[in-house]
Amino acid sequence: MNINSLIQLLVILEECSNPEAVVTELEQILHGCGFEYYGLPRHLPQTPMQQNPEPWAAALAGRWPEQWPHIYTAKKYALIDPMVRYLAHAQRPFRWREAMAAFRKDAYHRRMEQMMVDAFGHGLEDGYIFPIHGRNGILASLSLAGKPIELSPVEIALLEAVARKAFWRLLDLKGEAQALETVLPADTPLTRREMEILHYLAEGMTSMEISKMLKISNHTVDWYMNGLQDKLKAKNRQQAVALAFRHGLIS
């Protein structure tokens, strides 16, 4: 692998003027490094009502074998994917086999092995995952896959830097970086009632359902919700929930 190419890519990504250019430059270098497939998905906050999404459900960029997304979805591999589960706690880049080893005593280990057999049959023989963290947890990850490739510690460090640079540059060019960097003002604490409504909102309840639960009027619920949006600097209710998860107000 050409270390100089990875260093140069960090500079090039900063100079890209649109998201398409970022993806083109990223794909070119990754292919040159020997990785035929990759994905750069965002990790969106989930409410208890949501299921684990597929890795490409919120992808900023990516390329996978043609039939693999269909098979992955049809066999519900998202529920047991060892890489996704390991990623939830990973603080550093890791190889696929590290994730498999971590769950060798798991009740779903055989299903995990079947998933890896299916992946191998579609050209996904090995891979690496690079977590991208923010203030309040994981924001995204870069997955690299294809033929087995041995990366040196220096190459892993550079690819980790590339993952972060590509992610933030894409968000910058899409006008979405500022929302992730927003910090909840310390002088605007939420009241007990606001926290109650926020939790019900995160569970997918409507204003009418929340009003019945709390035995207050529908208009009063809307009044609280408008106040929540102002305090969290959110454009709508969905963003208010997302920001609440990001700031650790709800989990």
C-alpha atoms as a PDB file:
ATOM      1  CA  MET A   1       0.000   0.000   0.000  1.00  0.00           C
ATOM      2  CA  ASN A   2       1.264   3.474  -0.868  1.00  0.00           C
ATOM      3  CA  ILE A   3       1.433   5.424   2.381  1.00  0.00           C
ATOM      4  CA  ASN A   4       2.156   8.618   0.492  1.00  0.00           C
ATOM      5  CA  SER A   5      -1.116   8.222  -1.423  1.00  0.00           C
ATOM      6  CA  LEU A   6      -3.072   8.055   1.835  1.00  0.00           C
ATOM      7  CA  ILE A   7      -1.320  11.158   3.165  1.00  0.00           C
ATOM      8  CA  GLN A   8      -2.012  12.971  -0.102  1.00  0.00           C
ATOM      9  CA  LEU A   9      -5.678  11.929   0.042  1.00  0.00           C
ATOM     10  CA  LEU A  10      -6.083  13.748   3.376  1.00  0.00           C
ATOM     11  CA  VAL A  11      -5.085  16.961   1.619  1.00  0.00           C
ATOM     12  CA  ILE A  12      -7.165  16.282  -1.495  1.00  0.00           C
ATOM     13  CA  LEU A  13     -10.345  15.590   0.475  1.00  0.00           C
ATOM     14  CA  GLU A  14     -10.101  18.991   2.146  1.00  0.00           C
ATOM     15  CA  GLU A  15      -9.883  20.638  -1.279  1.00  0.00           C
ATOM     16  CA  CYS A  16     -12.886  18.794  -2.799  1.00  0.00           C
ATOM     17  CA  SER A  17     -15.689  21.216  -3.646  1.00  0.00           C
ATOM     18  CA  ASN A  18     -18.628  18.782  -3.766  1.00  0.00           C
ATOM     19  CA  PRO A  19     -19.651  15.401  -2.250  1.00  0.00           C
ATOM     20  CA  GLU A  20     -19.223  13.585  -5.575  1.00  0.00           C
ATOM     21  CA  ALA A  21     -15.566  14.606  -5.736  1.00  0.00           C
ATOM     22  CA  VAL A  22     -14.985  13.322  -2.188  1.00  0.00           C
ATOM     23  CA  VAL A  23     -16.481   9.923  -3.077  1.00  0.00           C
ATOM     24  CA  THR A  24     -14.501   9.693  -6.330  1.00  0.00           C
ATOM     25  CA  GLU A  25     -11.177  10.442  -4.643  1.00  0.00           C
ATOM     26  CA  LEU A  26     -11.939   8.070  -1.760  1.00  0.00           C
ATOM     27  CA  GLU A  27     -12.929   5.194  -4.043  1.00  0.00           C
ATOM     28  CA  GLN A  28      -9.861   5.650  -6.215  1.00  0.00           C
ATOM     29  CA  ILE A  29      -7.453   5.373  -3.295  1.00  0.00           C
ATOM     30  CA  LEU A  30      -9.301   2.492  -1.632  1.00  0.00           C
ATOM     31  CA  HIS A  31      -9.288   0.543  -4.882  1.00  0.00           C
ATOM     32  CA  GLY A  32      -5.579   1.258  -5.240  1.00  0.00           C
ATOM     33  CA  CYS A  33      -5.094  -0.122  -1.722  1.00  0.00           C
ATOM     34  CA  GLY A  34      -6.727  -3.377  -2.833  1.00  0.00           C
ATOM     35  CA  PHE A  35     -10.177  -2.928  -1.284  1.00  0.00           C
ATOM     36  CA  GLU A  36     -12.865  -3.656  -3.866  1.00  0.00           C
ATOM     37  CA  TYR A  37     -15.803  -2.922  -1.560  1.00  0.00           C
ATOM     38  CA  TYR A  38     -16.461  -0.309   1.095  1.00  0.00           C
ATOM     39  CA  GLY A  39     -19.173   1.542   2.984  1.00  0.00           C
ATOM     40  CA  LEU A  40     -19.337   4.813   4.918  1.00  0.00           C
ATOM     41  CA  PRO A  41     -22.654   4.724   6.828  1.00  0.00           C
ATOM     42  CA  ARG A  42     -23.848   7.151   9.459  1.00  0.00           C
ATOM     43  CA  HIS A  43     -24.966   5.664  12.758  1.00  0.00           C
ATOM     44  CA  LEU A  44     -28.246   7.375  13.526  1.00  0.00           C
ATOM     45  CA  PRO A  45     -29.769   7.394  17.014  1.00  0.00           C
ATOM     46  CA  GLN A  46     -32.444   4.712  17.435  1.00  0.00           C
ATOM     47  CA  THR A  47     -35.522   4.658  19.567  1.00  0.00           C
ATOM     48  CA  PRO A  48     -36.640   1.439  21.278  1.00  0.00           C
ATOM     49  CA  MET A  49     -39.269   1.070  18.544  1.00  0.00           C
ATOM     50  CA  GLN A  50     -36.676   0.798  15.752  1.00  0.00           C
ATOM     51  CA  GLN A  51     -34.886  -2.289  14.492  1.00  0.00           C
ATOM     52  CA  ASN A  52     -31.166  -2.459  13.713  1.00  0.00           C
ATOM     53  CA  PRO A  53     -30.716  -0.926  10.256  1.00  0.00           C
ATOM     54  CA  GLU A  54     -28.686  -2.415   7.426  1.00  0.00           C
ATOM     55  CA  PRO A  55     -25.139  -0.959   7.188  1.00  0.00           C
ATOM     56  CA  TRP A  56     -26.059   0.886   3.998  1.00  0.00           C
ATOM     57  CA  ALA A  57     -29.398   2.284   5.249  1.00  0.00           C
ATOM     58  CA  ALA A  58     -27.833   5.683   5.970  1.00  0.00           C
ATOM     59  CA  ALA A  59     -24.728   5.401   3.779  1.00  0.00           C
ATOM     60  CA  LEU A  60     -22.912   8.551   2.722  1.00  0.00           C
ATOM     61  CA  ALA A  61     -20.982   6.470   0.195  1.00  0.00           C
ATOM     62  CA  GLY A  62     -20.329   2.828  -0.576  1.00  0.00           C
ATOM     63  CA  ARG A  63     -20.010  -0.022  -3.035  1.00  0.00           C
ATOM     64  CA  TRP A  64     -20.986  -3.636  -2.246  1.00  0.00           C
ATOM     65  CA  PRO A  65     -21.448  -6.844  -4.298  1.00  0.00           C
ATOM     66  CA  GLU A  66     -24.641  -6.615  -6.337  1.00  0.00           C
ATOM     67  CA  GLN A  67     -26.708  -9.264  -4.536  1.00  0.00           C
ATOM     68  CA  TRP A  68     -25.227  -8.896  -1.061  1.00  0.00           C
ATOM     69  CA  PRO A  69     -27.567  -6.162   0.274  1.00  0.00           C
ATOM     70  CA  HIS A  70     -30.596  -8.238  -0.758  1.00  0.00           C
ATOM     71  CA  ILE A  71     -29.265 -11.401   0.909  1.00  0.00           C
ATOM     72  CA  TYR A  72     -28.225  -9.517   4.038  1.00  0.00           C
ATOM     73  CA  THR A  73     -31.707  -8.034   4.373  1.00  0.00           C
ATOM     74  CA  ALA A  74     -33.635 -11.177   3.449  1.00  0.00           C
ATOM     75  CA  LYS A  75     -31.779 -13.293   6.016  1.00  0.00           C
ATOM     76  CA  LYS A  76     -32.022 -10.581   8.691  1.00  0.00           C
ATOM     77  CA  TYR A  77     -28.286 -10.600   9.263  1.00  0.00           C
ATOM     78  CA  ALA A  78     -28.476  -7.096  10.739  1.00  0.00           C
ATOM     79  CA  LEU A  79     -29.839  -8.639  13.931  1.00  0.00           C
ATOM     80  CA  ILE A  80     -26.764 -10.801  14.521  1.00  0.00           C
ATOM     81  CA  ASP A  81     -24.000  -9.162  12.457  1.00  0.00           C
ATOM     82  CA  PRO A  82     -20.880  -9.529  14.647  1.00  0.00           C
ATOM     83  CA  MET A  83     -19.234  -6.481  13.082  1.00  0.00           C
ATOM     84  CA  VAL A  84     -22.215  -4.260  13.867  1.00  0.00           C
ATOM     85  CA  ARG A  85     -22.422  -5.592  17.423  1.00  0.00           C
ATOM     86  CA  TYR A  86     -18.676  -5.246  18.013  1.00  0.00           C
ATOM     87  CA  LEU A  87     -18.691  -1.758  16.537  1.00  0.00           C
ATOM     88  CA  ALA A  88     -21.147  -0.571  19.183  1.00  0.00           C
ATOM     89  CA  HIS A  89     -18.375  -0.828  21.788  1.00  0.00           C
ATOM     90  CA  ALA A  90     -15.199  -0.510  19.713  1.00  0.00           C
ATOM     91  CA  GLN A  91     -12.889   2.397  20.425  1.00  0.00           C
ATOM     92  CA  ARG A  92     -10.377   1.587  17.687  1.00  0.00           C
ATOM     93  CA  PRO A  93     -10.272   0.051  14.185  1.00  0.00           C
ATOM     94  CA  PHE A  94     -10.702  -3.716  14.069  1.00  0.00           C
ATOM     95  CA  ARG A  95     -10.607  -6.620  11.661  1.00  0.00           C
ATOM     96  CA  TRP A  96     -13.617  -8.816  10.984  1.00  0.00           C
ATOM     97  CA  ARG A  97     -12.003 -11.840  12.607  1.00  0.00           C
ATOM     98  CA  GLU A  98     -11.645  -9.889  15.864  1.00  0.00           C
ATOM     99  CA  ALA A  99     -15.414  -9.418  15.943  1.00  0.00           C
ATOM    100  CA  MET A 100     -16.029 -13.101  15.216  1.00  0.00           C
ATOM    101  CA  ALA A 101     -13.650 -14.130  17.985  1.00  0.00           C
ATOM    102  CA  ALA A 102     -15.407 -11.839  20.457  1.00  0.00           C
ATOM    103  CA  PHE A 103     -18.708 -13.687  19.928  1.00  0.00           C
ATOM    104  CA  ARG A 104     -17.463 -17.261  19.650  1.00  0.00           C
ATOM    105  CA  LYS A 105     -19.543 -18.227  22.717  1.00  0.00           C
ATOM    106  CA  ASP A 106     -22.579 -16.226  21.657  1.00  0.00           C
ATOM    107  CA  ALA A 107     -25.905 -18.020  21.212  1.00  0.00           C
ATOM    108  CA  TYR A 108     -26.031 -16.797  17.606  1.00  0.00           C
ATOM    109  CA  HIS A 109     -22.467 -17.781  16.696  1.00  0.00           C
ATOM    110  CA  ARG A 110     -23.596 -20.379  14.141  1.00  0.00           C
ATOM    111  CA  ARG A 111     -25.760 -17.780  12.416  1.00  0.00           C
ATOM    112  CA  MET A 112     -22.771 -15.445  12.402  1.00  0.00           C
ATOM    113  CA  GLU A 113     -20.653 -18.166  10.774  1.00  0.00           C
ATOM    114  CA  GLN A 114     -23.343 -18.702   8.131  1.00  0.00           C
ATOM    115  CA  MET A 115     -23.348 -14.971   7.433  1.00  0.00           C
ATOM    116  CA  MET A 116     -19.576 -15.033   6.949  1.00  0.00           C
ATOM    117  CA  VAL A 117     -19.868 -18.005   4.568  1.00  0.00           C
ATOM    118  CA  ASP A 118     -22.448 -16.097   2.518  1.00  0.00           C
ATOM    119  CA  ALA A 119     -20.251 -12.981   2.562  1.00  0.00           C
ATOM    120  CA  PHE A 120     -17.227 -14.996   1.404  1.00  0.00           C
ATOM    121  CA  GLY A 121     -19.252 -16.387  -1.484  1.00  0.00           C
ATOM    122  CA  HIS A 122     -19.937 -12.845  -2.671  1.00  0.00           C
ATOM    123  CA  GLY A 123     -16.340 -11.692  -2.606  1.00  0.00           C
ATOM    124  CA  LEU A 124     -16.343 -10.363   0.952  1.00  0.00           C
ATOM    125  CA  GLU A 125     -13.533 -12.567   2.198  1.00  0.00           C
ATOM    126  CA  ASP A 126     -12.106 -10.253   4.835  1.00  0.00           C
ATOM    127  CA  GLY A 127     -12.359  -6.690   6.029  1.00  0.00           C
ATOM    128  CA  TYR A 128     -11.619  -3.892   8.447  1.00  0.00           C
ATOM    129  CA  ILE A 129     -13.887  -1.390  10.192  1.00  0.00           C
ATOM    130  CA  PHE A 130     -12.862   2.092  11.306  1.00  0.00           C
ATOM    131  CA  PRO A 131     -15.188   3.693  13.895  1.00  0.00           C
ATOM    132  CA  ILE A 132     -15.729   7.456  13.745  1.00  0.00           C
ATOM    133  CA  HIS A 133     -16.558   8.899  17.164  1.00  0.00           C
ATOM    134  CA  GLY A 134     -18.035  12.194  18.283  1.00  0.00           C
ATOM    135  CA  ARG A 135     -18.574  13.779  21.679  1.00  0.00           C
ATOM    136  CA  ASN A 136     -21.392  11.419  22.604  1.00  0.00           C
ATOM    137  CA  GLY A 137     -20.489   8.151  20.939  1.00  0.00           C
ATOM    138  CA  ILE A 138     -20.131   6.664  17.512  1.00  0.00           C
ATOM    139  CA  LEU A 139     -21.204   8.814  14.552  1.00  0.00           C
ATOM    140  CA  ALA A 140     -20.232   6.655  11.589  1.00  0.00           C
ATOM    141  CA  SER A 141     -17.811   3.998  10.388  1.00  0.00           C
ATOM    142  CA  LEU A 142     -15.759   3.144   7.331  1.00  0.00           C
ATOM    143  CA  SER A 143     -15.900  -0.529   6.317  1.00  0.00           C
ATOM    144  CA  LEU A 144     -13.328  -1.929   3.887  1.00  0.00           C
ATOM    145  CA  ALA A 145     -13.750  -5.394   2.386  1.00  0.00           C
ATOM    146  CA  GLY A 146     -12.667  -7.780  -0.333  1.00  0.00           C
ATOM    147  CA  LYS A 147      -9.605 -10.011  -0.544  1.00  0.00           C
ATOM    148  CA  PRO A 148      -7.561 -10.456   2.662  1.00  0.00           C
ATOM    149  CA  ILE A 149      -5.087  -7.599   3.086  1.00  0.00           C
ATOM    150  CA  GLU A 150      -2.544  -7.218   5.869  1.00  0.00           C
ATOM    151  CA  LEU A 151      -2.396  -3.612   7.054  1.00  0.00           C
ATOM    152  CA  SER A 152       0.507  -2.250   9.050  1.00  0.00           C
ATOM    153  CA  PRO A 153      -0.119  -0.094  12.157  1.00  0.00           C
ATOM    154  CA  VAL A 154       0.854   2.993  10.132  1.00  0.00           C
ATOM    155  CA  GLU A 155      -1.583   2.124   7.341  1.00  0.00           C
ATOM    156  CA  ILE A 156      -4.361   1.514   9.866  1.00  0.00           C
ATOM    157  CA  ALA A 157      -3.690   4.884  11.493  1.00  0.00           C
ATOM    158  CA  LEU A 158      -3.752   6.668   8.134  1.00  0.00           C
ATOM    159  CA  LEU A 159      -6.950   4.933   7.015  1.00  0.00           C
ATOM    160  CA  GLU A 160      -8.530   5.891  10.327  1.00  0.00           C
ATOM    161  CA  ALA A 161      -7.632   9.510   9.601  1.00  0.00           C
ATOM    162  CA  VAL A 162      -9.004   9.162   6.055  1.00  0.00           C
ATOM    163  CA  ALA A 163     -12.289   7.789   7.444  1.00  0.00           C
ATOM    164  CA  ARG A 164     -12.734  10.801   9.733  1.00  0.00           C
ATOM    165  CA  LYS A 165     -11.716  13.302   7.055  1.00  0.00           C
ATOM    166  CA  ALA A 166     -14.061  11.815   4.428  1.00  0.00           C
ATOM    167  CA  PHE A 167     -16.982  11.684   6.861  1.00  0.00           C
ATOM    168  CA  TRP A 168     -16.658  15.272   8.089  1.00  0.00           C
ATOM    169  CA  ARG A 169     -15.892  16.636   4.621  1.00  0.00           C
ATOM    170  CA  LEU A 170     -19.029  15.018   3.211  1.00  0.00           C
ATOM    171  CA  LEU A 171     -21.123  16.453   6.051  1.00  0.00           C
ATOM    172  CA  ASP A 172     -19.549  19.882   5.550  1.00  0.00           C
ATOM    173  CA  LEU A 173     -20.396  19.863   1.838  1.00  0.00           C
ATOM    174  CA  LYS A 174     -23.930  18.669   2.573  1.00  0.00           C
ATOM    175  CA  GLY A 175     -24.410  21.370   5.216  1.00  0.00           C
ATOM    176  CA  GLU A 176     -24.958  18.817   7.998  1.00  0.00           C
ATOM    177  CA  ALA A 177     -21.774  19.089  10.061  1.00  0.00           C
ATOM    178  CA  GLN A 178     -22.958  21.972  12.243  1.00  0.00           C
ATOM    179  CA  ALA A 179     -25.918  20.000  13.592  1.00  0.00           C
ATOM    180  CA  LEU A 180     -23.591  17.269  14.862  1.00  0.00           C
ATOM    181  CA  GLU A 181     -21.276  19.806  16.456  1.00  0.00           C
ATOM    182  CA  THR A 182     -24.066  21.649  18.269  1.00  0.00           C
ATOM    183  CA  VAL A 183     -23.665  21.578  22.025  1.00  0.00           C
ATOM    184  CA  LEU A 184     -26.715  21.842  24.264  1.00  0.00           C
ATOM    185  CA  PRO A 185     -26.472  25.128  26.208  1.00  0.00           C
ATOM    186  CA  ALA A 186     -25.787  24.475  29.889  1.00  0.00           C
ATOM    187  CA  ASP A 187     -28.218  27.173  30.997  1.00  0.00           C
ATOM    188  CA  THR A 188     -31.308  25.603  29.411  1.00  0.00           C
ATOM    189  CA  PRO A 189     -32.105  22.490  31.488  1.00  0.00           C
ATOM    190  CA  LEU A 190     -35.235  20.549  30.605  1.00  0.00           C
ATOM    191  CA  THR A 191     -38.088  20.371  33.087  1.00  0.00           C
ATOM    192  CA  ARG A 192     -39.505  17.071  34.377  1.00  0.00           C
ATOM    193  CA  ARG A 193     -42.555  17.427  32.119  1.00  0.00           C
ATOM    194  CA  GLU A 194     -40.393  18.200  29.101  1.00  0.00           C
ATOM    195  CA  MET A 195     -38.324  15.081  29.786  1.00  0.00           C
ATOM    196  CA  GLU A 196     -41.500  12.985  30.030  1.00  0.00           C
ATOM    197  CA  ILE A 197     -42.763  14.266  26.715  1.00  0.00           C
ATOM    198  CA  LEU A 198     -39.344  13.814  25.114  1.00  0.00           C
ATOM    199  CA  HIS A 199     -39.249  10.153  26.133  1.00  0.00           C
ATOM    200  CA  TYR A 200     -42.745   9.508  24.775  1.00  0.00           C
ATOM    201  CA  LEU A 201     -41.843  11.346  21.577  1.00  0.00           C
ATOM    202  CA  ALA A 202     -38.758   9.140  21.192  1.00  0.00           C
ATOM    203  CA  GLU A 203     -41.008   6.088  21.434  1.00  0.00           C
ATOM    204  CA  GLY A 204     -42.917   7.284  18.393  1.00  0.00           C
ATOM    205  CA  MET A 205     -46.048   8.523  20.151  1.00  0.00           C
ATOM    206  CA  THR A 206     -48.203  11.282  18.635  1.00  0.00           C
ATOM    207  CA  SER A 207     -49.321  14.452  20.420  1.00  0.00           C
ATOM    208  CA  MET A 208     -52.767  12.922  20.947  1.00  0.00           C
ATOM    209  CA  GLU A 209     -51.310   9.727  22.455  1.00  0.00           C
ATOM    210  CA  ILE A 210     -49.006  11.690  24.750  1.00  0.00           C
ATOM    211  CA  SER A 211     -51.877  13.929  25.892  1.00  0.00           C
ATOM    212  CA  LYS A 212     -53.905  10.867  26.891  1.00  0.00           C
ATOM    213  CA  MET A 213     -50.918   9.350  28.687  1.00  0.00           C
ATOM    214  CA  LEU A 214     -50.215  12.514  30.694  1.00  0.00           C
ATOM    215  CA  LYS A 215     -53.882  13.560  31.001  1.00  0.00           C
ATOM    216  CA  ILE A 216     -53.251  17.018  29.540  1.00  0.00           C
ATOM    217  CA  SER A 217     -54.630  18.661  26.425  1.00  0.00           C
ATOM    218  CA  ASN A 218     -53.256  18.092  22.967  1.00  0.00           C
ATOM    219  CA  HIS A 219     -52.479  21.816  22.688  1.00  0.00           C
ATOM    220  CA  THR A 220     -50.482  21.710  25.922  1.00  0.00           C
ATOM    221  CA  VAL A 221     -48.383  18.840  24.541  1.00  0.00           C
ATOM    222  CA  ASP A 222     -47.702  20.869  21.395  1.00  0.00           C
ATOM    223  CA  TRP A 223     -46.725  23.853  23.554  1.00  0.00           C
ATOM    224  CA  TYR A 224     -44.180  21.710  25.422  1.00  0.00           C
ATOM    225  CA  MET A 225     -42.869  20.279  22.161  1.00  0.00           C
ATOM    226  CA  ASN A 226     -42.339  23.746  20.700  1.00  0.00           C
ATOM    227  CA  GLY A 227     -40.404  24.650  23.839  1.00  0.00           C
ATOM    228  CA  LEU A 228     -38.278  21.512  23.488  1.00  0.00           C
ATOM    229  CA  GLN A 229     -37.440  22.368  19.890  1.00  0.00           C
ATOM    230  CA  ASP A 230     -36.384  25.878  20.930  1.00  0.00           C
ATOM    231  CA  LYS A 231     -34.176  24.627  23.770  1.00  0.00           C
ATOM    232  CA  LEU A 232     -32.542  21.938  21.618  1.00  0.00           C
ATOM    233  CA  LYS A 233     -32.318  24.279  18.608  1.00  0.00           C
ATOM    234  CA  ALA A 234     -34.097  21.670  16.513  1.00  0.00           C
ATOM    235  CA  LYS A 235     -35.971  22.345  13.273  1.00  0.00           C
ATOM    236  CA  ASN A 236     -38.618  19.699  13.920  1.00  0.00           C
ATOM    237  CA  ARG A 237     -39.637  16.952  16.346  1.00  0.00           C
ATOM    238  CA  GLN A 238     -37.527  14.297  14.656  1.00  0.00           C
ATOM    239  CA  GLN A 239     -34.403  16.400  14.965  1.00  0.00           C
ATOM    240  CA  ALA A 240     -35.264  17.170  18.587  1.00  0.00           C
ATOM    241  CA  VAL A 241     -35.272  13.432  19.356  1.00  0.00           C
ATOM    242  CA  ALA A 242     -32.017  12.899  17.453  1.00  0.00           C
ATOM    243  CA  LEU A 243     -30.321  15.743  19.342  1.00  0.00           C
ATOM    244  CA  ALA A 244     -31.657  14.446  22.654  1.00  0.00           C
ATOM    245  CA  PHE A 245     -30.024  11.065  21.977  1.00  0.00           C
ATOM    246  CA  ARG A 246     -26.815  12.753  20.879  1.00  0.00           C
ATOM    247  CA  HIS A 247     -26.640  14.877  24.026  1.00  0.00           C
ATOM    248  CA  GLY A 248     -27.361  11.890  26.229  1.00  0.00           C
ATOM    249  CA  LEU A 249     -30.690  13.250  27.487  1.00  0.00           C
ATOM    250  CA  ILE A 250     -32.382   9.980  26.558  1.00  0.00           C
ATOM    251  CA  SER A 251     -30.990   6.554  25.732  1.00  0.00           C
END
